[in-house]
Protein backbone atom coordinates (compact mmCIF):
# COMPACT_ATOMS: atom_id res chain seq x y z
CA MET A 1 -6.40 23.38 -17.32
CA SER A 2 -4.00 21.89 -14.81
CA ASN A 3 -4.24 18.30 -13.68
CA LYS A 4 -1.98 18.50 -10.60
CA GLN A 5 -2.70 15.91 -7.93
CA GLU A 6 -6.30 17.02 -7.56
CA LYS A 7 -7.47 13.45 -7.04
CA LYS A 8 -7.79 12.48 -3.42
CA TYR A 9 -6.99 8.83 -2.95
CA SER A 10 -8.39 6.21 -0.60
CA VAL A 11 -5.55 4.34 1.08
CA LEU A 12 -5.45 1.03 2.94
CA LEU A 13 -2.40 0.80 5.22
CA VAL A 14 -1.53 -2.69 6.49
CA ASP A 15 1.28 -2.92 9.05
CA ASP A 16 1.56 -4.65 12.42
CA ASP A 17 3.63 -1.76 13.86
CA GLN A 18 1.00 0.53 15.39
CA PHE A 19 3.40 3.48 15.70
CA LEU A 20 4.28 3.37 11.99
CA LEU A 21 0.65 2.75 11.06
CA ASP A 22 -0.42 5.89 12.96
CA MET A 23 2.45 7.94 11.55
CA TYR A 24 1.75 7.01 7.92
CA ALA A 25 -2.01 7.37 8.43
CA MET A 26 -1.47 10.93 9.68
CA LYS A 27 0.88 11.80 6.80
CA PHE A 28 -1.52 10.51 4.12
CA SER A 29 -4.53 12.12 5.85
CA GLU A 30 -2.73 15.48 5.89
CA HIS A 31 -2.32 15.05 2.12
CA GLY A 32 -6.10 14.71 1.79
CA CYS A 33 -6.29 10.94 1.47
CA ALA A 34 -9.04 8.88 3.07
CA VAL A 35 -7.06 6.38 5.15
CA GLN A 36 -8.04 3.02 6.59
CA ALA A 37 -5.24 1.69 8.83
CA VAL A 38 -5.31 -1.99 9.77
CA SER A 39 -2.69 -3.67 11.98
CA ASN A 40 -3.80 -7.23 11.20
CA PRO A 41 -3.42 -8.53 7.62
CA THR A 42 -6.22 -11.10 8.06
CA LYS A 43 -8.61 -8.30 9.09
CA ALA A 44 -7.41 -6.23 6.12
CA LEU A 45 -8.30 -9.11 3.78
CA GLU A 46 -11.76 -9.35 5.38
CA TYR A 47 -12.14 -5.61 4.79
CA LEU A 48 -11.31 -6.05 1.08
CA ARG A 49 -13.64 -9.06 0.80
CA LYS A 50 -16.51 -6.71 1.69
CA GLU A 51 -15.99 -5.31 -1.82
CA VAL A 52 -14.11 -2.30 -0.54
CA SER A 53 -11.60 -1.21 -3.14
CA PRO A 54 -9.09 1.44 -2.10
CA ASP A 55 -7.03 3.30 -4.70
CA ILE A 56 -3.79 2.44 -2.89
CA ILE A 57 -2.74 -0.45 -0.63
CA LEU A 58 0.47 0.06 1.35
CA LEU A 59 1.59 -3.24 2.78
CA ASP A 60 4.33 -4.44 5.13
CA VAL A 61 6.03 -7.77 4.37
CA MET A 62 6.84 -9.14 7.84
CA MET A 63 3.63 -9.49 9.84
CA PRO A 64 2.38 -12.21 12.20
CA GLY A 65 -0.01 -14.78 10.80
CA LEU A 66 0.01 -13.65 7.21
CA THR A 67 3.00 -12.11 5.45
CA GLY A 68 2.60 -9.25 3.02
CA PHE A 69 3.44 -11.70 0.23
CA ASP A 70 0.62 -14.03 1.37
CA PHE A 71 -1.73 -11.06 1.62
CA LEU A 72 -0.83 -9.85 -1.87
CA GLN A 73 -1.22 -13.35 -3.32
CA ALA A 74 -4.69 -13.65 -1.74
CA VAL A 75 -5.68 -10.22 -3.09
CA ARG A 76 -4.61 -11.22 -6.61
CA ASN A 77 -6.01 -14.79 -6.45
CA GLU A 78 -9.39 -13.60 -5.17
CA ASP A 79 -9.45 -10.63 -7.56
CA LEU A 80 -9.88 -8.17 -4.68
CA ALA A 81 -9.26 -4.43 -5.03
CA LYS A 82 -8.80 -4.89 -8.79
CA ASN A 83 -7.95 -1.26 -9.49
CA ALA A 84 -5.77 -0.68 -6.43
CA CYS A 85 -2.12 0.26 -6.74
CA VAL A 86 -0.36 -2.12 -4.34
CA ILE A 87 2.93 -0.93 -2.86
CA MET A 88 5.09 -2.93 -0.47
CA LEU A 89 6.29 -0.70 2.39
CA THR A 90 8.84 -2.72 4.31
CA ASN A 91 12.34 -3.00 5.71
CA GLN A 92 12.89 -6.19 3.71
CA GLY A 93 15.20 -4.76 1.07
CA GLN A 94 16.79 -7.86 -0.43
CA GLN A 95 16.47 -8.07 -4.20
CA GLU A 96 14.75 -11.46 -3.94
CA ASP A 97 12.01 -9.84 -1.80
CA VAL A 98 11.56 -7.03 -4.33
CA ASP A 99 11.43 -9.56 -7.19
CA LYS A 100 8.93 -11.75 -5.32
CA ALA A 101 6.65 -8.77 -4.59
CA LEU A 102 6.73 -7.63 -8.21
CA SER A 103 6.12 -11.18 -9.48
CA LEU A 104 3.04 -11.38 -7.22
CA GLY A 105 1.70 -8.18 -8.74
CA ALA A 106 2.97 -5.36 -6.53
CA ASN A 107 3.15 -2.04 -8.38
CA GLY A 108 5.97 -0.65 -6.27
CA TYR A 109 8.37 -1.30 -3.41
CA ILE A 110 9.49 1.23 -0.78
CA ILE A 111 12.09 0.51 1.93
CA LYS A 112 10.88 2.08 5.21
CA ALA A 113 14.36 2.56 6.67
CA SER A 114 15.50 4.67 3.72
CA ALA A 115 12.51 7.04 3.59
CA ILE A 116 10.98 9.43 6.10
CA PRO A 117 7.14 9.59 6.06
CA SER A 118 7.01 12.58 3.70
CA GLU A 119 9.27 10.68 1.28
CA VAL A 120 7.05 7.59 1.58
CA LEU A 121 4.10 9.80 0.63
CA GLU A 122 6.02 11.33 -2.28
CA LYS A 123 7.28 7.95 -3.56
CA THR A 124 3.79 6.49 -3.22
CA MET A 125 2.27 9.32 -5.26
CA ASP A 126 5.00 8.89 -7.91
CA ILE A 127 4.22 5.17 -8.19
CA VAL A 128 0.48 5.85 -8.31
CA GLN A 129 0.94 8.44 -11.07
CA LYS A 130 2.82 5.86 -13.16
CA PHE A 131 0.27 3.14 -12.35
CA THR A 132 -2.87 5.17 -12.97
CA PRO A 133 -3.86 5.40 -16.62
CA HIS A 134 -4.42 9.00 -17.61
CA ALA A 135 -7.20 10.01 -19.98
């Protein structure tokens, strides 16, 4: 019996860049994922507070009002989306940003500028495979 990526994931994309949001939403949808794309991090938090728990949260760092770090800290502090694999998807590539994201509980970190959408999908699935406990 093969266990190749048969699971279809639910994904929450949070990014204030509508073009990128649409592009990543299309790429993940084509892969069979159920995608919720939100351009406002405060609205994304409200969505999670309704006890919605996606399998994957892809999150930008630099957003107006609430940074990705603030968003991630709120998710962890409020115990939202407990089983979600949280991945920072950003152009902030400094080591201190990576370290901060990981210290706040991010499961992965992808630099947008160094990955085309298909690579973002592939890297995301690699991170999720490592994060998800297998039976």
